[in-house]
């Protein structure tokens, strides 16, 4: 299971607040189980070709470690990876520009991936000149073996559901997803276990400031 990382609103100095758009309606897919996710990591790290292994890890890490879509991972450039003493954040461009904090256990993936590269270089499949709609899908089609399903959509869903299970505030999660419509969150709630009644009562009873 990926580690926890606090969500904070971060941005480059002087940058305008990104405009976020709603995701289109979706019937939704189920998140990966821990066992299924383990198999995907084994595939990614275990590829015989070192470059392919690096790219597989970046792709999986971007989707399940920061909630990026496949296209957002493909568009990510070295300059978009910000590393400081608080961790790693990814400056996402495209239809849902935002700042996406990376889970603590996935941070080293991006620290290693950008080391020694020029700021304009793509993080995934470094060396190419442009991104196309099939940049990630062709990689998955070519290198994922039969019997293993690697869905970038399900990896992102897994990230969302795990953040909900961790109790990340809804408004913070929506900002990290790049959405404004609550329906983009609501469809994932069916995958989040109900609170234990005693825990539920304790949380509702708790207060930061007394009301009287």
C-alpha atoms as a PDB file:
ATOM      1  CA  UNK A   1       0.000   0.000   0.000  1.00  0.00           C
ATOM      2  CA  UNK A   2       1.303   3.424  -0.908  1.00  0.00           C
ATOM      3  CA  UNK A   3       2.219   5.673   1.997  1.00  0.00           C
ATOM      4  CA  UNK A   4       0.400   8.813   3.084  1.00  0.00           C
ATOM      5  CA  UNK A   5       1.307  12.306   1.939  1.00  0.00           C
ATOM      6  CA  UNK A   6      -0.402  15.501   3.173  1.00  0.00           C
ATOM      7  CA  UNK A   7      -2.335  17.460   0.561  1.00  0.00           C
ATOM      8  CA  UNK A   8      -1.446  21.131   0.405  1.00  0.00           C
ATOM      9  CA  UNK A   9      -2.178  23.789  -2.173  1.00  0.00           C
ATOM     10  CA  UNK A  10       1.160  24.558  -3.791  1.00  0.00           C
ATOM     11  CA  UNK A  11       2.112  26.569  -6.843  1.00  0.00           C
ATOM     12  CA  UNK A  12       5.080  28.212  -8.501  1.00  0.00           C
ATOM     13  CA  UNK A  13       5.636  31.728  -7.120  1.00  0.00           C
ATOM     14  CA  UNK A  14       3.437  34.236  -8.943  1.00  0.00           C
ATOM     15  CA  UNK A  15       1.509  31.560 -10.815  1.00  0.00           C
ATOM     16  CA  UNK A  16      -2.195  32.169 -11.401  1.00  0.00           C
ATOM     17  CA  UNK A  17      -4.639  29.831  -9.714  1.00  0.00           C
ATOM     18  CA  UNK A  18      -5.426  27.074 -12.249  1.00  0.00           C
ATOM     19  CA  UNK A  19      -8.925  26.832 -13.702  1.00  0.00           C
ATOM     20  CA  UNK A  20     -10.347  23.375 -13.164  1.00  0.00           C
ATOM     21  CA  UNK A  21     -13.041  21.644 -15.155  1.00  0.00           C
ATOM     22  CA  UNK A  22     -15.376  18.786 -14.315  1.00  0.00           C
ATOM     23  CA  UNK A  23     -14.692  15.262 -15.448  1.00  0.00           C
ATOM     24  CA  UNK A  24     -17.268  13.819 -17.863  1.00  0.00           C
ATOM     25  CA  UNK A  25     -19.888  11.456 -16.404  1.00  0.00           C
ATOM     26  CA  UNK A  26     -18.682   7.913 -15.994  1.00  0.00           C
ATOM     27  CA  UNK A  27     -20.175   4.648 -14.883  1.00  0.00           C
ATOM     28  CA  UNK A  28     -16.980   4.159 -12.935  1.00  0.00           C
ATOM     29  CA  UNK A  29     -14.612   1.245 -12.544  1.00  0.00           C
ATOM     30  CA  UNK A  30     -13.491  -0.601  -9.441  1.00  0.00           C
ATOM     31  CA  UNK A  31     -10.139   0.172  -7.839  1.00  0.00           C
ATOM     32  CA  UNK A  32      -7.394  -2.433  -7.891  1.00  0.00           C
ATOM     33  CA  UNK A  33      -7.082  -4.709  -4.902  1.00  0.00           C
ATOM     34  CA  UNK A  34      -3.779  -4.781  -3.024  1.00  0.00           C
ATOM     35  CA  UNK A  35      -2.970  -8.145  -4.628  1.00  0.00           C
ATOM     36  CA  UNK A  36      -3.696  -6.846  -8.130  1.00  0.00           C
ATOM     37  CA  UNK A  37      -1.672  -3.695  -7.556  1.00  0.00           C
ATOM     38  CA  UNK A  38       1.247  -5.765  -6.260  1.00  0.00           C
ATOM     39  CA  UNK A  39       1.285  -7.742  -9.521  1.00  0.00           C
ATOM     40  CA  UNK A  40       1.410  -4.509 -11.509  1.00  0.00           C
ATOM     41  CA  UNK A  41       4.376  -3.219  -9.521  1.00  0.00           C
ATOM     42  CA  UNK A  42       6.139  -6.559  -9.955  1.00  0.00           C
ATOM     43  CA  UNK A  43       5.639  -6.268 -13.723  1.00  0.00           C
ATOM     44  CA  UNK A  44       6.850  -2.655 -13.815  1.00  0.00           C
ATOM     45  CA  UNK A  45       9.991  -3.156 -11.760  1.00  0.00           C
ATOM     46  CA  UNK A  46      10.703  -6.569 -13.221  1.00  0.00           C
ATOM     47  CA  UNK A  47      10.941  -5.701 -16.916  1.00  0.00           C
ATOM     48  CA  UNK A  48      14.168  -6.945 -18.451  1.00  0.00           C
ATOM     49  CA  UNK A  49      14.898  -3.722 -20.317  1.00  0.00           C
ATOM     50  CA  UNK A  50      15.978  -1.012 -17.840  1.00  0.00           C
ATOM     51  CA  UNK A  51      14.493   1.862 -19.832  1.00  0.00           C
ATOM     52  CA  UNK A  52      11.150   0.116 -20.174  1.00  0.00           C
ATOM     53  CA  UNK A  53      11.135  -0.692 -16.450  1.00  0.00           C
ATOM     54  CA  UNK A  54      11.814   2.954 -15.637  1.00  0.00           C
ATOM     55  CA  UNK A  55       8.941   4.109 -17.850  1.00  0.00           C
ATOM     56  CA  UNK A  56       6.553   1.479 -16.528  1.00  0.00           C
ATOM     57  CA  UNK A  57       7.282   2.571 -12.958  1.00  0.00           C
ATOM     58  CA  UNK A  58       6.784   6.244 -13.873  1.00  0.00           C
ATOM     59  CA  UNK A  59       3.461   5.462 -15.551  1.00  0.00           C
ATOM     60  CA  UNK A  60       2.134   3.415 -12.649  1.00  0.00           C
ATOM     61  CA  UNK A  61       3.546   5.836 -10.083  1.00  0.00           C
ATOM     62  CA  UNK A  62       1.995   8.860 -11.760  1.00  0.00           C
ATOM     63  CA  UNK A  63      -1.479   7.319 -11.884  1.00  0.00           C
ATOM     64  CA  UNK A  64      -1.682   5.527  -8.538  1.00  0.00           C
ATOM     65  CA  UNK A  65       0.778   7.747  -6.671  1.00  0.00           C
ATOM     66  CA  UNK A  66      -0.493  11.182  -7.728  1.00  0.00           C
ATOM     67  CA  UNK A  67      -3.847  10.629  -9.437  1.00  0.00           C
ATOM     68  CA  UNK A  68      -2.720  11.577 -12.941  1.00  0.00           C
ATOM     69  CA  UNK A  69      -4.416  10.365 -16.105  1.00  0.00           C
ATOM     70  CA  UNK A  70      -2.430   8.523 -18.755  1.00  0.00           C
ATOM     71  CA  UNK A  71      -2.244  11.651 -20.933  1.00  0.00           C
ATOM     72  CA  UNK A  72      -1.099  13.755 -17.983  1.00  0.00           C
ATOM     73  CA  UNK A  73       1.749  11.323 -17.305  1.00  0.00           C
ATOM     74  CA  UNK A  74       2.703  11.421 -20.980  1.00  0.00           C
ATOM     75  CA  UNK A  75       2.700  15.235 -21.009  1.00  0.00           C
ATOM     76  CA  UNK A  76       4.748  15.575 -17.812  1.00  0.00           C
ATOM     77  CA  UNK A  77       8.136  17.221 -18.326  1.00  0.00           C
ATOM     78  CA  UNK A  78      11.123  17.301 -16.015  1.00  0.00           C
ATOM     79  CA  UNK A  79      10.501  20.967 -15.191  1.00  0.00           C
ATOM     80  CA  UNK A  80       7.025  19.988 -13.929  1.00  0.00           C
ATOM     81  CA  UNK A  81       8.491  17.841 -11.136  1.00  0.00           C
ATOM     82  CA  UNK A  82       9.135  19.951  -8.046  1.00  0.00           C
ATOM     83  CA  UNK A  83      11.262  18.424  -5.296  1.00  0.00           C
ATOM     84  CA  UNK A  84      11.782  20.078  -1.924  1.00  0.00           C
ATOM     85  CA  UNK A  85      12.138  19.195   1.740  1.00  0.00           C
ATOM     86  CA  UNK A  86       8.389  18.578   1.985  1.00  0.00           C
ATOM     87  CA  UNK A  87       8.291  15.962  -0.757  1.00  0.00           C
ATOM     88  CA  UNK A  88       7.473  15.920  -4.465  1.00  0.00           C
ATOM     89  CA  UNK A  89       4.680  17.663  -6.345  1.00  0.00           C
ATOM     90  CA  UNK A  90       3.787  17.441 -10.030  1.00  0.00           C
ATOM     91  CA  UNK A  91       2.671  20.544 -11.923  1.00  0.00           C
ATOM     92  CA  UNK A  92       0.012  19.154 -14.241  1.00  0.00           C
ATOM     93  CA  UNK A  93      -0.958  20.880 -17.477  1.00  0.00           C
ATOM     94  CA  UNK A  94      -3.750  20.187 -19.940  1.00  0.00           C
ATOM     95  CA  UNK A  95      -7.511  20.267 -19.399  1.00  0.00           C
ATOM     96  CA  UNK A  96      -7.221  20.137 -15.593  1.00  0.00           C
ATOM     97  CA  UNK A  97      -4.124  22.165 -14.646  1.00  0.00           C
ATOM     98  CA  UNK A  98      -3.228  21.717 -11.006  1.00  0.00           C
ATOM     99  CA  UNK A  99      -0.524  20.829  -8.518  1.00  0.00           C
ATOM    100  CA  UNK A 100      -0.602  17.141  -7.538  1.00  0.00           C
ATOM    101  CA  UNK A 101       1.312  16.046  -4.423  1.00  0.00           C
ATOM    102  CA  UNK A 102       2.917  12.619  -4.805  1.00  0.00           C
ATOM    103  CA  UNK A 103       2.372   9.978  -2.135  1.00  0.00           C
ATOM    104  CA  UNK A 104       5.435   9.588   0.065  1.00  0.00           C
ATOM    105  CA  UNK A 105       6.130   6.022  -1.046  1.00  0.00           C
ATOM    106  CA  UNK A 106       6.104   7.049  -4.734  1.00  0.00           C
ATOM    107  CA  UNK A 107       8.307  10.141  -4.431  1.00  0.00           C
ATOM    108  CA  UNK A 108      11.583   8.379  -5.134  1.00  0.00           C
ATOM    109  CA  UNK A 109      10.212   7.236  -8.480  1.00  0.00           C
ATOM    110  CA  UNK A 110      10.145  10.808  -9.727  1.00  0.00           C
ATOM    111  CA  UNK A 111      13.328  11.880  -7.953  1.00  0.00           C
ATOM    112  CA  UNK A 112      15.170   9.110  -9.792  1.00  0.00           C
ATOM    113  CA  UNK A 113      13.322   9.660 -13.091  1.00  0.00           C
ATOM    114  CA  UNK A 114      14.314  13.322 -13.501  1.00  0.00           C
ATOM    115  CA  UNK A 115      17.908  13.026 -12.317  1.00  0.00           C
ATOM    116  CA  UNK A 116      20.333  14.363 -14.919  1.00  0.00           C
ATOM    117  CA  UNK A 117      17.667  15.270 -17.482  1.00  0.00           C
ATOM    118  CA  UNK A 118      17.052  18.612 -19.167  1.00  0.00           C
ATOM    119  CA  UNK A 119      14.004  20.526 -17.923  1.00  0.00           C
ATOM    120  CA  UNK A 120      12.212  20.257 -21.287  1.00  0.00           C
ATOM    121  CA  UNK A 121      12.572  16.476 -21.477  1.00  0.00           C
ATOM    122  CA  UNK A 122       9.524  14.288 -21.049  1.00  0.00           C
ATOM    123  CA  UNK A 123       9.594  12.224 -17.861  1.00  0.00           C
ATOM    124  CA  UNK A 124       7.846   9.253 -19.517  1.00  0.00           C
ATOM    125  CA  UNK A 125       9.526   7.866 -22.654  1.00  0.00           C
ATOM    126  CA  UNK A 126      12.292  10.441 -22.541  1.00  0.00           C
ATOM    127  CA  UNK A 127      13.766  11.383 -25.905  1.00  0.00           C
ATOM    128  CA  UNK A 128      10.565  11.778 -27.899  1.00  0.00           C
ATOM    129  CA  UNK A 129       9.588  15.079 -29.492  1.00  0.00           C
ATOM    130  CA  UNK A 130       5.845  15.100 -28.794  1.00  0.00           C
ATOM    131  CA  UNK A 131       2.931  13.364 -27.087  1.00  0.00           C
ATOM    132  CA  UNK A 132       0.090  11.652 -28.923  1.00  0.00           C
ATOM    133  CA  UNK A 133      -3.151  10.076 -27.746  1.00  0.00           C
ATOM    134  CA  UNK A 134      -1.517   6.663 -28.028  1.00  0.00           C
ATOM    135  CA  UNK A 135       1.782   7.383 -26.239  1.00  0.00           C
ATOM    136  CA  UNK A 136       0.850   5.417 -23.115  1.00  0.00           C
ATOM    137  CA  UNK A 137      -1.622   2.980 -24.681  1.00  0.00           C
ATOM    138  CA  UNK A 138       0.972   1.745 -27.175  1.00  0.00           C
ATOM    139  CA  UNK A 139       3.458   1.223 -24.356  1.00  0.00           C
ATOM    140  CA  UNK A 140       0.913  -0.828 -22.399  1.00  0.00           C
ATOM    141  CA  UNK A 141      -0.138  -2.789 -25.493  1.00  0.00           C
ATOM    142  CA  UNK A 142       3.465  -3.607 -26.393  1.00  0.00           C
ATOM    143  CA  UNK A 143       4.908  -4.467 -22.996  1.00  0.00           C
ATOM    144  CA  UNK A 144       2.137  -5.739 -20.714  1.00  0.00           C
ATOM    145  CA  UNK A 145       2.015  -9.556 -20.895  1.00  0.00           C
ATOM    146  CA  UNK A 146      -1.149 -11.552 -21.439  1.00  0.00           C
ATOM    147  CA  UNK A 147      -2.957 -12.295 -18.219  1.00  0.00           C
ATOM    148  CA  UNK A 148      -2.146  -8.928 -16.647  1.00  0.00           C
ATOM    149  CA  UNK A 149      -4.418  -5.913 -16.997  1.00  0.00           C
ATOM    150  CA  UNK A 150      -2.802  -2.514 -16.547  1.00  0.00           C
ATOM    151  CA  UNK A 151      -5.482   0.159 -16.739  1.00  0.00           C
ATOM    152  CA  UNK A 152      -4.365   3.725 -16.093  1.00  0.00           C
ATOM    153  CA  UNK A 153      -7.989   4.614 -15.361  1.00  0.00           C
ATOM    154  CA  UNK A 154      -8.238   1.954 -12.651  1.00  0.00           C
ATOM    155  CA  UNK A 155      -4.900   3.054 -11.213  1.00  0.00           C
ATOM    156  CA  UNK A 156      -6.220   6.609 -10.881  1.00  0.00           C
ATOM    157  CA  UNK A 157      -9.460   5.315  -9.361  1.00  0.00           C
ATOM    158  CA  UNK A 158      -7.371   3.346  -6.858  1.00  0.00           C
ATOM    159  CA  UNK A 159      -5.593   6.560  -5.860  1.00  0.00           C
ATOM    160  CA  UNK A 160      -8.915   8.391  -5.397  1.00  0.00           C
ATOM    161  CA  UNK A 161     -10.495   5.613  -3.332  1.00  0.00           C
ATOM    162  CA  UNK A 162      -7.417   5.221  -1.133  1.00  0.00           C
ATOM    163  CA  UNK A 163      -7.392   8.971  -0.455  1.00  0.00           C
ATOM    164  CA  UNK A 164     -11.055   8.782   0.551  1.00  0.00           C
ATOM    165  CA  UNK A 165     -10.347   5.809   2.791  1.00  0.00           C
ATOM    166  CA  UNK A 166      -7.500   7.792   4.367  1.00  0.00           C
ATOM    167  CA  UNK A 167      -9.903  10.585   5.276  1.00  0.00           C
ATOM    168  CA  UNK A 168      -8.442  13.277   3.011  1.00  0.00           C
ATOM    169  CA  UNK A 169     -10.831  16.287   3.071  1.00  0.00           C
ATOM    170  CA  UNK A 170     -13.107  16.297   0.024  1.00  0.00           C
ATOM    171  CA  UNK A 171     -12.184  19.814  -1.079  1.00  0.00           C
ATOM    172  CA  UNK A 172      -8.479  18.966  -0.951  1.00  0.00           C
ATOM    173  CA  UNK A 173      -8.998  15.758  -2.906  1.00  0.00           C
ATOM    174  CA  UNK A 174     -11.045  17.559  -5.551  1.00  0.00           C
ATOM    175  CA  UNK A 175      -8.251  20.126  -5.951  1.00  0.00           C
ATOM    176  CA  UNK A 176      -5.680  17.339  -6.342  1.00  0.00           C
ATOM    177  CA  UNK A 177      -7.920  15.624  -8.923  1.00  0.00           C
ATOM    178  CA  UNK A 178      -8.513  18.875 -10.803  1.00  0.00           C
ATOM    179  CA  UNK A 179     -12.305  18.770 -10.545  1.00  0.00           C
ATOM    180  CA  UNK A 180     -14.993  21.097  -9.224  1.00  0.00           C
ATOM    181  CA  UNK A 181     -18.105  18.941  -9.563  1.00  0.00           C
ATOM    182  CA  UNK A 182     -18.760  16.780  -6.490  1.00  0.00           C
ATOM    183  CA  UNK A 183     -20.221  14.063  -8.714  1.00  0.00           C
ATOM    184  CA  UNK A 184     -16.648  13.306  -9.758  1.00  0.00           C
ATOM    185  CA  UNK A 185     -16.078  12.180  -6.162  1.00  0.00           C
ATOM    186  CA  UNK A 186     -19.503  10.768  -5.362  1.00  0.00           C
ATOM    187  CA  UNK A 187     -19.255   7.845  -7.760  1.00  0.00           C
ATOM    188  CA  UNK A 188     -16.231   6.505  -5.853  1.00  0.00           C
ATOM    189  CA  UNK A 189     -17.903   6.465  -2.445  1.00  0.00           C
ATOM    190  CA  UNK A 190     -19.393   3.011  -3.027  1.00  0.00           C
ATOM    191  CA  UNK A 191     -15.844   1.644  -2.792  1.00  0.00           C
ATOM    192  CA  UNK A 192     -15.217   3.254   0.604  1.00  0.00           C
ATOM    193  CA  UNK A 193     -16.161   1.120   3.639  1.00  0.00           C
ATOM    194  CA  UNK A 194     -18.672   2.556   6.104  1.00  0.00           C
ATOM    195  CA  UNK A 195     -17.252   3.879   9.342  1.00  0.00           C
ATOM    196  CA  UNK A 196     -17.494   1.771  12.450  1.00  0.00           C
ATOM    197  CA  UNK A 197     -20.500   3.161  14.408  1.00  0.00           C
ATOM    198  CA  UNK A 198     -18.345   3.975  17.448  1.00  0.00           C
ATOM    199  CA  UNK A 199     -15.732   5.707  15.278  1.00  0.00           C
ATOM    200  CA  UNK A 200     -18.453   7.544  13.378  1.00  0.00           C
ATOM    201  CA  UNK A 201     -19.955   8.844  16.626  1.00  0.00           C
ATOM    202  CA  UNK A 202     -16.544   9.855  17.993  1.00  0.00           C
ATOM    203  CA  UNK A 203     -15.688  11.829  14.861  1.00  0.00           C
ATOM    204  CA  UNK A 204     -18.995  13.675  14.871  1.00  0.00           C
ATOM    205  CA  UNK A 205     -18.658  14.392  18.585  1.00  0.00           C
ATOM    206  CA  UNK A 206     -15.159  15.852  18.241  1.00  0.00           C
ATOM    207  CA  UNK A 207     -14.785  19.617  17.882  1.00  0.00           C
ATOM    208  CA  UNK A 208     -11.869  21.961  17.391  1.00  0.00           C
ATOM    209  CA  UNK A 209     -13.579  24.769  19.260  1.00  0.00           C
ATOM    210  CA  UNK A 210     -16.307  24.551  21.882  1.00  0.00           C
ATOM    211  CA  UNK A 211     -19.647  25.958  20.707  1.00  0.00           C
ATOM    212  CA  UNK A 212     -20.557  27.187  24.212  1.00  0.00           C
END
